[in-house]
N, C-alpha and C. Protein backbone atom coordinates (compact mmCIF):
# COMPACT_ATOMS: atom_id res chain seq x y z
N GLY A 1 -10.04 -15.40 -21.10
CA GLY A 1 -10.22 -15.26 -22.53
C GLY A 1 -11.78 -15.18 -22.75
N PHE A 2 -12.66 -14.95 -21.77
CA PHE A 2 -13.86 -14.71 -21.87
C PHE A 2 -14.43 -13.48 -21.21
N GLY A 3 -13.93 -12.20 -21.85
CA GLY A 3 -14.01 -11.13 -21.15
C GLY A 3 -15.51 -10.57 -20.61
N ASN A 4 -16.41 -10.94 -21.50
CA ASN A 4 -17.73 -10.43 -21.17
C ASN A 4 -18.67 -11.57 -20.48
N TYR A 5 -17.97 -12.69 -20.26
CA TYR A 5 -18.76 -13.65 -19.32
C TYR A 5 -18.79 -13.73 -17.99
N ASP A 6 -20.25 -13.69 -17.57
CA ASP A 6 -20.46 -13.48 -16.27
C ASP A 6 -21.14 -14.69 -15.67
N GLY A 7 -20.49 -15.77 -14.89
CA GLY A 7 -21.07 -17.13 -14.63
C GLY A 7 -20.11 -17.85 -13.98
N GLY A 8 -20.35 -19.22 -14.01
CA GLY A 8 -19.47 -20.25 -13.43
C GLY A 8 -18.87 -20.96 -14.49
N ALA A 9 -17.51 -21.53 -14.03
CA ALA A 9 -16.84 -22.49 -14.73
C ALA A 9 -16.09 -23.52 -13.87
N TRP A 10 -15.91 -24.74 -14.55
CA TRP A 10 -14.99 -25.89 -13.88
C TRP A 10 -13.80 -26.06 -14.52
N TYR A 11 -12.73 -26.15 -13.73
CA TYR A 11 -11.41 -26.24 -14.33
C TYR A 11 -10.84 -27.52 -13.51
N LYS A 12 -10.25 -28.33 -14.25
CA LYS A 12 -9.78 -29.68 -13.83
C LYS A 12 -8.33 -30.03 -14.41
N LYS A 13 -7.51 -30.49 -13.41
CA LYS A 13 -5.95 -30.82 -13.68
C LYS A 13 -5.60 -31.95 -13.10
N GLU A 14 -5.09 -32.91 -13.73
CA GLU A 14 -4.45 -34.05 -13.01
C GLU A 14 -2.98 -34.29 -13.20
N PHE A 15 -2.36 -34.46 -12.05
CA PHE A 15 -0.78 -34.42 -11.97
C PHE A 15 -0.47 -35.49 -10.95
N ILE A 16 0.89 -35.58 -11.06
CA ILE A 16 1.58 -36.69 -10.03
C ILE A 16 2.22 -35.83 -9.21
N ILE A 17 2.38 -35.87 -7.72
CA ILE A 17 2.86 -35.36 -6.84
C ILE A 17 4.19 -36.13 -6.64
N PRO A 18 5.49 -35.63 -6.62
CA PRO A 18 6.68 -36.70 -6.42
C PRO A 18 6.60 -37.41 -5.10
N LYS A 19 7.04 -38.68 -5.08
CA LYS A 19 7.23 -39.51 -4.09
C LYS A 19 8.01 -38.69 -2.79
N ALA A 20 8.90 -38.12 -3.22
CA ALA A 20 9.81 -37.48 -2.33
C ALA A 20 9.12 -36.48 -1.58
N LEU A 21 7.82 -36.03 -1.81
CA LEU A 21 7.05 -35.19 -1.01
C LEU A 21 6.08 -35.84 0.12
N LEU A 22 6.28 -37.24 0.11
CA LEU A 22 5.65 -37.91 1.11
C LEU A 22 5.87 -37.57 2.44
N GLY A 23 4.61 -37.31 3.13
CA GLY A 23 5.11 -36.94 4.65
C GLY A 23 5.11 -35.35 4.81
N GLU A 24 5.19 -34.63 3.81
CA GLU A 24 5.34 -33.15 3.86
C GLU A 24 3.83 -32.30 3.71
N ASP A 25 3.73 -31.29 4.15
CA ASP A 25 2.63 -30.42 4.05
C ASP A 25 3.09 -29.48 2.71
N LEU A 26 1.89 -29.33 1.80
CA LEU A 26 2.26 -28.37 0.81
C LEU A 26 1.37 -27.12 0.65
N VAL A 27 1.68 -26.23 -0.14
CA VAL A 27 1.03 -25.11 -0.40
C VAL A 27 0.46 -24.92 -1.79
N LEU A 28 -0.70 -24.50 -2.08
CA LEU A 28 -1.08 -24.60 -3.46
C LEU A 28 -1.31 -23.02 -3.79
N LEU A 29 -0.75 -22.56 -4.77
CA LEU A 29 -0.99 -21.13 -4.81
C LEU A 29 -1.61 -21.09 -6.46
N LEU A 30 -2.74 -20.49 -6.24
CA LEU A 30 -3.55 -20.42 -7.60
C LEU A 30 -3.75 -19.05 -8.11
N GLY A 31 -2.93 -17.94 -7.58
CA GLY A 31 -3.17 -16.76 -8.07
C GLY A 31 -4.42 -16.00 -7.93
N LYS A 32 -4.71 -14.92 -8.59
CA LYS A 32 -5.84 -13.98 -8.44
C LYS A 32 -6.93 -14.67 -9.17
N ILE A 33 -8.17 -14.63 -8.66
CA ILE A 33 -9.41 -15.40 -9.20
C ILE A 33 -10.55 -14.45 -9.30
N ASP A 34 -11.12 -14.07 -10.26
CA ASP A 34 -12.30 -13.24 -10.22
C ASP A 34 -13.72 -13.96 -10.44
N ASP A 35 -14.09 -14.32 -9.47
CA ASP A 35 -14.48 -13.52 -8.23
C ASP A 35 -14.46 -14.41 -6.83
N SER A 36 -15.17 -15.67 -7.22
CA SER A 36 -15.26 -16.56 -5.99
C SER A 36 -14.67 -17.89 -6.58
N ASP A 37 -14.28 -18.79 -5.50
CA ASP A 37 -13.82 -20.04 -6.09
C ASP A 37 -14.22 -20.90 -4.91
N LYS A 38 -14.32 -22.45 -5.44
CA LYS A 38 -14.23 -23.63 -4.49
C LYS A 38 -13.16 -24.55 -4.95
N THR A 39 -12.45 -24.95 -4.15
CA THR A 39 -11.12 -25.76 -4.82
C THR A 39 -10.94 -27.00 -4.13
N PHE A 40 -10.86 -28.20 -4.90
CA PHE A 40 -10.97 -29.50 -4.48
C PHE A 40 -9.75 -30.19 -4.83
N LEU A 41 -9.26 -30.90 -3.88
CA LEU A 41 -8.01 -31.90 -4.21
C LEU A 41 -8.34 -33.25 -4.05
N ASN A 42 -8.56 -34.05 -4.85
CA ASN A 42 -9.13 -35.45 -4.79
C ASN A 42 -10.20 -35.66 -4.01
N GLY A 43 -11.24 -34.71 -4.60
CA GLY A 43 -12.53 -34.79 -4.24
C GLY A 43 -13.01 -34.04 -2.79
N LYS A 44 -11.93 -33.53 -2.21
CA LYS A 44 -12.18 -33.01 -0.83
C LYS A 44 -11.96 -31.54 -0.96
N LEU A 45 -12.69 -30.62 -0.53
CA LEU A 45 -12.67 -29.17 -0.48
C LEU A 45 -11.45 -28.91 0.28
N VAL A 46 -10.44 -28.03 -0.31
CA VAL A 46 -9.29 -27.63 0.31
C VAL A 46 -9.23 -26.01 0.60
N GLY A 47 -10.12 -25.35 -0.07
CA GLY A 47 -10.29 -23.92 0.22
C GLY A 47 -11.32 -23.35 -0.42
N SER A 48 -11.86 -22.02 -0.08
CA SER A 48 -12.75 -21.38 -0.88
C SER A 48 -12.53 -19.99 -0.46
N SER A 49 -12.86 -19.03 -1.43
CA SER A 49 -12.94 -17.62 -1.15
C SER A 49 -13.99 -17.07 -1.97
N TYR A 50 -14.63 -15.90 -1.43
CA TYR A 50 -15.70 -15.29 -2.01
C TYR A 50 -15.45 -13.69 -1.97
N ASP A 51 -15.51 -13.18 -3.21
CA ASP A 51 -15.53 -11.72 -3.35
C ASP A 51 -14.08 -11.21 -3.17
N LYS A 52 -13.15 -11.80 -3.40
CA LYS A 52 -11.63 -11.67 -3.18
C LYS A 52 -10.82 -11.44 -4.39
N PHE A 53 -11.30 -10.79 -5.28
CA PHE A 53 -10.84 -10.60 -6.75
C PHE A 53 -9.44 -10.12 -6.76
N ASP A 54 -9.08 -9.43 -5.65
CA ASP A 54 -7.89 -8.79 -5.65
C ASP A 54 -6.56 -9.42 -4.81
N ARG A 55 -6.99 -10.58 -4.43
CA ARG A 55 -6.00 -11.29 -3.63
C ARG A 55 -5.65 -12.76 -4.12
N GLN A 56 -4.43 -13.04 -3.89
CA GLN A 56 -3.97 -14.33 -4.28
C GLN A 56 -4.59 -15.42 -3.49
N ARG A 57 -4.94 -16.64 -4.26
CA ARG A 57 -5.63 -17.68 -3.60
C ARG A 57 -4.28 -18.66 -3.12
N VAL A 58 -4.30 -18.89 -1.65
CA VAL A 58 -3.21 -19.71 -1.30
C VAL A 58 -3.75 -20.73 -0.21
N TYR A 59 -3.82 -21.92 -0.64
CA TYR A 59 -4.48 -23.14 0.24
C TYR A 59 -3.43 -23.91 0.70
N PHE A 60 -3.51 -24.34 1.99
CA PHE A 60 -2.42 -25.27 2.47
C PHE A 60 -3.17 -26.67 2.41
N ILE A 61 -2.18 -27.52 1.84
CA ILE A 61 -2.57 -28.93 1.77
C ILE A 61 -1.75 -29.71 2.75
N SER A 62 -2.68 -30.60 3.57
CA SER A 62 -1.90 -31.41 4.54
C SER A 62 -1.43 -32.61 4.02
N LYS A 63 -0.46 -33.31 4.51
CA LYS A 63 0.19 -34.46 4.15
C LYS A 63 -0.89 -35.61 3.81
N ASN A 64 -1.93 -35.68 4.62
CA ASN A 64 -2.98 -36.66 4.13
C ASN A 64 -4.05 -36.30 3.10
N GLN A 65 -3.80 -35.10 2.52
CA GLN A 65 -4.84 -34.65 1.51
C GLN A 65 -4.60 -35.08 0.10
N PHE A 66 -3.21 -35.65 -0.08
CA PHE A 66 -2.78 -35.91 -1.45
C PHE A 66 -2.18 -37.17 -1.47
N LYS A 67 -1.78 -37.78 -2.73
CA LYS A 67 -1.25 -39.19 -2.99
C LYS A 67 0.29 -38.94 -3.50
N ALA A 68 1.13 -39.11 -2.72
CA ALA A 68 2.60 -38.98 -3.40
C ALA A 68 2.86 -40.00 -4.16
N GLY A 69 3.51 -39.76 -5.36
CA GLY A 69 3.94 -40.72 -6.21
C GLY A 69 2.70 -41.35 -7.20
N ALA A 70 1.65 -40.72 -6.90
CA ALA A 70 0.29 -41.11 -7.68
C ALA A 70 -0.51 -39.88 -8.35
N LEU A 71 -1.29 -40.20 -9.12
CA LEU A 71 -2.21 -39.23 -9.70
C LEU A 71 -3.19 -38.61 -8.81
N ASN A 72 -3.01 -37.35 -8.74
CA ASN A 72 -4.03 -36.32 -8.17
C ASN A 72 -4.96 -35.66 -8.95
N THR A 73 -6.03 -35.23 -8.46
CA THR A 73 -6.82 -34.32 -9.31
C THR A 73 -7.30 -33.25 -8.43
N LEU A 74 -7.08 -32.07 -9.25
CA LEU A 74 -7.40 -30.61 -8.62
C LEU A 74 -8.47 -30.27 -9.53
N VAL A 75 -9.64 -29.87 -8.67
CA VAL A 75 -10.83 -29.20 -9.51
C VAL A 75 -11.25 -27.85 -8.92
N VAL A 76 -11.30 -26.88 -9.56
CA VAL A 76 -11.68 -25.44 -9.15
C VAL A 76 -12.95 -25.06 -9.76
N PHE A 77 -13.66 -24.61 -9.09
CA PHE A 77 -14.97 -23.91 -9.58
C PHE A 77 -14.75 -22.41 -9.38
N VAL A 78 -15.00 -21.77 -10.50
CA VAL A 78 -14.96 -20.32 -10.37
C VAL A 78 -16.17 -19.67 -10.76
N HIS A 79 -16.69 -18.74 -10.02
CA HIS A 79 -17.87 -18.06 -10.16
C HIS A 79 -17.79 -16.47 -10.21
N GLN A 80 -17.86 -15.91 -11.35
CA GLN A 80 -17.67 -14.25 -11.49
C GLN A 80 -18.93 -13.60 -11.82
């Protein structure tokens, strides 16, 4: 939505991961991000990429990085 913007932006999403996923490892699919990102789940870095605007962001979330049946917070810093 900001075609001429060149800089950084923060995105935040809160959501509940179903209790049925307790003990499972998860995969976070963010899609393509122009240009770099730092991605945090519940305040901990789960992945980052730099200068890979043409690649899908795929981060693996281990079972101890999320709260099943409770509120989780995803924060992504994007810089282009």
